[in-house]
Amino acid sequence: MNRFLRNLVSLVVIVTAILGLRIHERSTALAETREELAEHCSNDSDCLEVLQSRFPSCFEQSFELGNRRGASRLDTSQMATCLNDGSATAFFGVID
């Protein structure tokens, strides 16, 4: 029984570490992406307004947390399309 508990505790620690790392990756990507897009907007108040209102939902739609076979990734094309959908002007685009 004691061995079972040690194995169980080890498993819980490993799973918690993996989930914590993935959540940290997501948080870092969110902050970096928001900062880059805000720099892109500079002083354009309409662009900043679109970014403020649409960014959280667009990021959620465009970010994939990944799995054991692949890393987390942000679909930049989907992100730009989502941000532009609600505005009269296309502020964002993807450059290859």
N, C-alpha and C. Protein backbone atom coordinates (compact mmCIF):
# COMPACT_ATOMS: atom_id res chain seq x y z
N MET A 1 0.82 -1.20 0.00
CA MET A 1 0.00 0.00 0.00
C MET A 1 0.86 1.26 0.00
N ASN A 2 1.95 1.23 0.74
CA ASN A 2 2.85 2.37 0.83
C ASN A 2 3.47 2.69 -0.53
N ARG A 3 3.82 1.68 -1.28
CA ARG A 3 4.40 1.86 -2.61
C ARG A 3 3.36 2.48 -3.55
N PHE A 4 2.13 2.03 -3.44
CA PHE A 4 1.05 2.58 -4.26
C PHE A 4 0.88 4.07 -4.01
N LEU A 5 0.90 4.48 -2.76
CA LEU A 5 0.76 5.90 -2.42
C LEU A 5 1.92 6.73 -2.96
N ARG A 6 3.14 6.20 -2.88
CA ARG A 6 4.29 6.92 -3.42
C ARG A 6 4.16 7.10 -4.93
N ASN A 7 3.73 6.05 -5.61
CA ASN A 7 3.54 6.14 -7.06
C ASN A 7 2.43 7.13 -7.41
N LEU A 8 1.39 7.12 -6.63
CA LEU A 8 0.28 8.04 -6.86
C LEU A 8 0.71 9.49 -6.64
N VAL A 9 1.44 9.74 -5.59
CA VAL A 9 1.95 11.08 -5.31
C VAL A 9 2.89 11.52 -6.43
N SER A 10 3.75 10.64 -6.89
CA SER A 10 4.67 10.97 -7.99
C SER A 10 3.90 11.32 -9.25
N LEU A 11 2.88 10.58 -9.54
CA LEU A 11 2.06 10.84 -10.72
C LEU A 11 1.36 12.20 -10.62
N VAL A 12 0.83 12.51 -9.46
CA VAL A 12 0.16 13.79 -9.25
C VAL A 12 1.15 14.94 -9.42
N VAL A 13 2.35 14.80 -8.90
CA VAL A 13 3.37 15.84 -9.03
C VAL A 13 3.74 16.05 -10.50
N ILE A 14 3.92 14.99 -11.24
CA ILE A 14 4.28 15.08 -12.66
C ILE A 14 3.16 15.74 -13.46
N VAL A 15 1.95 15.32 -13.26
CA VAL A 15 0.81 15.89 -13.99
C VAL A 15 0.65 17.37 -13.65
N THR A 16 0.80 17.71 -12.39
CA THR A 16 0.70 19.11 -11.98
C THR A 16 1.79 19.96 -12.62
N ALA A 17 2.99 19.44 -12.69
CA ALA A 17 4.10 20.17 -13.32
C ALA A 17 3.85 20.39 -14.80
N ILE A 18 3.35 19.38 -15.48
CA ILE A 18 3.06 19.50 -16.92
C ILE A 18 1.95 20.52 -17.15
N LEU A 19 0.89 20.44 -16.39
CA LEU A 19 -0.20 21.41 -16.55
C LEU A 19 0.26 22.82 -16.20
N GLY A 20 1.06 22.96 -15.18
CA GLY A 20 1.58 24.27 -14.81
C GLY A 20 2.43 24.88 -15.91
N LEU A 21 3.25 24.06 -16.54
CA LEU A 21 4.08 24.53 -17.64
C LEU A 21 3.23 24.98 -18.82
N ARG A 22 2.21 24.23 -19.15
CA ARG A 22 1.33 24.60 -20.26
C ARG A 22 0.56 25.89 -19.97
N ILE A 23 0.11 26.04 -18.76
CA ILE A 23 -0.61 27.26 -18.38
C ILE A 23 0.35 28.45 -18.42
N HIS A 24 1.58 28.25 -18.00
CA HIS A 24 2.58 29.31 -18.06
C HIS A 24 2.87 29.71 -19.52
N GLU A 25 2.99 28.71 -20.41
CA GLU A 25 3.20 28.98 -21.83
C GLU A 25 2.06 29.82 -22.40
N ARG A 26 0.83 29.46 -22.05
CA ARG A 26 -0.34 30.18 -22.54
C ARG A 26 -0.33 31.62 -22.03
N SER A 27 -0.04 31.78 -20.77
CA SER A 27 -0.01 33.11 -20.16
C SER A 27 1.06 33.99 -20.80
N THR A 28 2.22 33.41 -21.04
CA THR A 28 3.31 34.15 -21.68
C THR A 28 2.94 34.54 -23.10
N ALA A 29 2.36 33.60 -23.85
CA ALA A 29 1.95 33.89 -25.22
C ALA A 29 0.89 34.98 -25.26
N LEU A 30 -0.04 34.95 -24.33
CA LEU A 30 -1.09 35.96 -24.27
C LEU A 30 -0.49 37.34 -24.05
N ALA A 31 0.40 37.47 -23.08
CA ALA A 31 1.00 38.77 -22.76
C ALA A 31 1.86 39.28 -23.91
N GLU A 32 2.68 38.40 -24.50
CA GLU A 32 3.54 38.82 -25.60
C GLU A 32 2.74 39.23 -26.83
N THR A 33 1.70 38.47 -27.14
CA THR A 33 0.87 38.79 -28.30
C THR A 33 0.14 40.11 -28.12
N ARG A 34 -0.42 40.31 -26.93
CA ARG A 34 -1.12 41.57 -26.66
C ARG A 34 -0.17 42.75 -26.78
N GLU A 35 1.04 42.60 -26.25
CA GLU A 35 2.03 43.68 -26.30
C GLU A 35 2.44 43.99 -27.74
N GLU A 36 2.68 42.95 -28.54
CA GLU A 36 3.06 43.16 -29.94
C GLU A 36 1.96 43.84 -30.73
N LEU A 37 0.72 43.43 -30.51
CA LEU A 37 -0.39 44.03 -31.24
C LEU A 37 -0.63 45.47 -30.79
N ALA A 38 -0.44 45.74 -29.51
CA ALA A 38 -0.59 47.11 -29.02
C ALA A 38 0.48 48.01 -29.64
N GLU A 39 1.70 47.49 -29.80
CA GLU A 39 2.75 48.26 -30.47
C GLU A 39 2.38 48.52 -31.93
N HIS A 40 1.76 47.54 -32.55
CA HIS A 40 1.33 47.68 -33.94
C HIS A 40 0.31 48.81 -34.06
N CYS A 41 -0.56 48.91 -33.08
CA CYS A 41 -1.60 49.95 -33.10
C CYS A 41 -1.04 51.34 -32.83
N SER A 42 0.09 51.42 -32.15
CA SER A 42 0.72 52.69 -31.76
C SER A 42 -0.28 53.59 -31.07
N ASN A 43 -0.59 54.70 -31.73
CA ASN A 43 -1.50 55.68 -31.13
C ASN A 43 -2.85 55.74 -31.83
N ASP A 44 -3.17 54.74 -32.64
CA ASP A 44 -4.45 54.70 -33.35
C ASP A 44 -5.54 54.25 -32.36
N SER A 45 -6.37 55.16 -31.95
CA SER A 45 -7.37 54.85 -30.91
C SER A 45 -8.39 53.81 -31.38
N ASP A 46 -8.74 53.83 -32.67
CA ASP A 46 -9.70 52.83 -33.17
C ASP A 46 -9.10 51.43 -33.12
N CYS A 47 -7.84 51.33 -33.51
CA CYS A 47 -7.13 50.04 -33.47
C CYS A 47 -7.02 49.54 -32.03
N LEU A 48 -6.65 50.40 -31.13
CA LEU A 48 -6.54 50.02 -29.71
C LEU A 48 -7.88 49.61 -29.13
N GLU A 49 -8.94 50.26 -29.57
CA GLU A 49 -10.29 49.91 -29.10
C GLU A 49 -10.68 48.51 -29.57
N VAL A 50 -10.40 48.22 -30.85
CA VAL A 50 -10.68 46.87 -31.38
C VAL A 50 -9.86 45.84 -30.61
N LEU A 51 -8.61 46.13 -30.39
CA LEU A 51 -7.74 45.22 -29.65
C LEU A 51 -8.26 45.00 -28.23
N GLN A 52 -8.66 46.06 -27.57
CA GLN A 52 -9.17 45.97 -26.19
C GLN A 52 -10.44 45.11 -26.11
N SER A 53 -11.34 45.32 -27.05
CA SER A 53 -12.64 44.65 -26.97
C SER A 53 -12.62 43.22 -27.50
N ARG A 54 -11.81 42.93 -28.50
CA ARG A 54 -11.88 41.63 -29.16
C ARG A 54 -10.73 40.67 -28.81
N PHE A 55 -9.65 41.19 -28.27
CA PHE A 55 -8.47 40.36 -28.05
C PHE A 55 -8.73 39.12 -27.20
N PRO A 56 -9.35 39.21 -26.04
CA PRO A 56 -9.49 38.00 -25.21
C PRO A 56 -10.21 36.86 -25.92
N SER A 57 -11.33 37.15 -26.56
CA SER A 57 -12.07 36.07 -27.22
C SER A 57 -11.33 35.56 -28.46
N CYS A 58 -10.70 36.46 -29.21
CA CYS A 58 -9.95 36.03 -30.39
C CYS A 58 -8.74 35.18 -30.00
N PHE A 59 -8.07 35.53 -28.92
CA PHE A 59 -6.93 34.74 -28.46
C PHE A 59 -7.38 33.34 -28.07
N GLU A 60 -8.50 33.25 -27.37
CA GLU A 60 -9.01 31.94 -26.96
C GLU A 60 -9.33 31.06 -28.17
N GLN A 61 -9.89 31.66 -29.23
CA GLN A 61 -10.23 30.91 -30.43
C GLN A 61 -8.98 30.49 -31.21
N SER A 62 -7.92 31.27 -31.14
CA SER A 62 -6.76 31.07 -31.99
C SER A 62 -5.62 30.29 -31.34
N PHE A 63 -5.64 30.15 -30.04
CA PHE A 63 -4.54 29.51 -29.33
C PHE A 63 -4.88 28.05 -29.04
N GLU A 64 -3.96 27.15 -29.40
CA GLU A 64 -4.12 25.73 -29.10
C GLU A 64 -3.06 25.35 -28.07
N LEU A 65 -3.50 24.78 -26.98
CA LEU A 65 -2.61 24.44 -25.88
C LEU A 65 -1.62 23.35 -26.24
N GLY A 66 -1.94 22.54 -27.20
CA GLY A 66 -1.03 21.47 -27.59
C GLY A 66 -1.29 20.21 -26.79
N ASN A 67 -0.55 19.17 -27.13
CA ASN A 67 -0.68 17.90 -26.43
C ASN A 67 0.70 17.27 -26.33
N ARG A 68 0.76 16.02 -26.00
CA ARG A 68 2.07 15.40 -25.81
C ARG A 68 2.83 15.23 -27.12
N ARG A 69 2.13 15.32 -28.24
CA ARG A 69 2.79 15.17 -29.54
C ARG A 69 3.16 16.51 -30.17
N GLY A 70 2.59 17.58 -29.68
CA GLY A 70 2.86 18.87 -30.29
C GLY A 70 2.86 20.00 -29.28
N ALA A 71 3.57 21.05 -29.63
CA ALA A 71 3.68 22.20 -28.74
C ALA A 71 2.46 23.11 -28.89
N SER A 72 2.33 24.02 -27.97
CA SER A 72 1.28 25.03 -28.04
C SER A 72 1.55 25.91 -29.24
N ARG A 73 0.48 26.44 -29.84
CA ARG A 73 0.69 27.32 -30.99
C ARG A 73 -0.45 28.31 -31.12
N LEU A 74 -0.14 29.43 -31.74
CA LEU A 74 -1.12 30.47 -32.01
C LEU A 74 -1.33 30.55 -33.51
N ASP A 75 -2.56 30.40 -33.94
CA ASP A 75 -2.90 30.52 -35.36
C ASP A 75 -3.04 32.01 -35.67
N THR A 76 -1.98 32.61 -36.17
CA THR A 76 -1.95 34.06 -36.38
C THR A 76 -2.95 34.51 -37.44
N SER A 77 -3.16 33.69 -38.44
CA SER A 77 -4.13 34.03 -39.49
C SER A 77 -5.54 34.11 -38.92
N GLN A 78 -5.89 33.13 -38.12
CA GLN A 78 -7.21 33.12 -37.48
C GLN A 78 -7.35 34.29 -36.51
N MET A 79 -6.27 34.60 -35.81
CA MET A 79 -6.28 35.72 -34.86
C MET A 79 -6.54 37.03 -35.59
N ALA A 80 -5.84 37.27 -36.69
CA ALA A 80 -6.01 38.51 -37.45
C ALA A 80 -7.43 38.60 -38.02
N THR A 81 -7.93 37.51 -38.56
CA THR A 81 -9.29 37.49 -39.11
C THR A 81 -10.31 37.80 -38.03
N CYS A 82 -10.15 37.18 -36.88
CA CYS A 82 -11.08 37.40 -35.77
C CYS A 82 -11.07 38.86 -35.31
N LEU A 83 -9.88 39.42 -35.17
CA LEU A 83 -9.78 40.82 -34.73
C LEU A 83 -10.40 41.78 -35.75
N ASN A 84 -10.23 41.48 -37.03
CA ASN A 84 -10.74 42.37 -38.07
C ASN A 84 -12.24 42.22 -38.30
N ASP A 85 -12.82 41.10 -37.90
CA ASP A 85 -14.25 40.84 -38.16
C ASP A 85 -15.17 41.90 -37.57
N GLY A 86 -14.84 42.42 -36.44
CA GLY A 86 -15.73 43.35 -35.77
C GLY A 86 -15.48 44.82 -36.09
N SER A 87 -14.56 45.11 -37.00
CA SER A 87 -14.23 46.51 -37.24
C SER A 87 -14.46 46.90 -38.70
N ALA A 88 -14.64 48.17 -38.92
CA ALA A 88 -14.86 48.68 -40.28
C ALA A 88 -13.55 48.68 -41.07
N THR A 89 -12.43 48.78 -40.40
CA THR A 89 -11.11 48.81 -41.04
C THR A 89 -10.34 47.56 -40.64
N ALA A 90 -9.62 46.98 -41.59
CA ALA A 90 -8.77 45.82 -41.30
C ALA A 90 -7.44 46.32 -40.74
N PHE A 91 -7.29 46.25 -39.44
CA PHE A 91 -6.09 46.74 -38.79
C PHE A 91 -4.97 45.71 -38.76
N PHE A 92 -5.32 44.43 -38.80
CA PHE A 92 -4.35 43.37 -38.58
C PHE A 92 -4.27 42.45 -39.79
N GLY A 93 -3.09 41.94 -40.03
CA GLY A 93 -2.86 41.00 -41.11
C GLY A 93 -1.65 40.16 -40.81
N VAL A 94 -1.43 39.14 -41.64
CA VAL A 94 -0.31 38.24 -41.44
C VAL A 94 0.66 38.42 -42.59
N ILE A 95 1.93 38.61 -42.27
CA ILE A 95 2.97 38.73 -43.27
C ILE A 95 3.79 37.45 -43.24
N ASP A 96 3.89 36.78 -44.35
CA ASP A 96 4.65 35.51 -44.40
C ASP A 96 6.11 35.73 -44.44
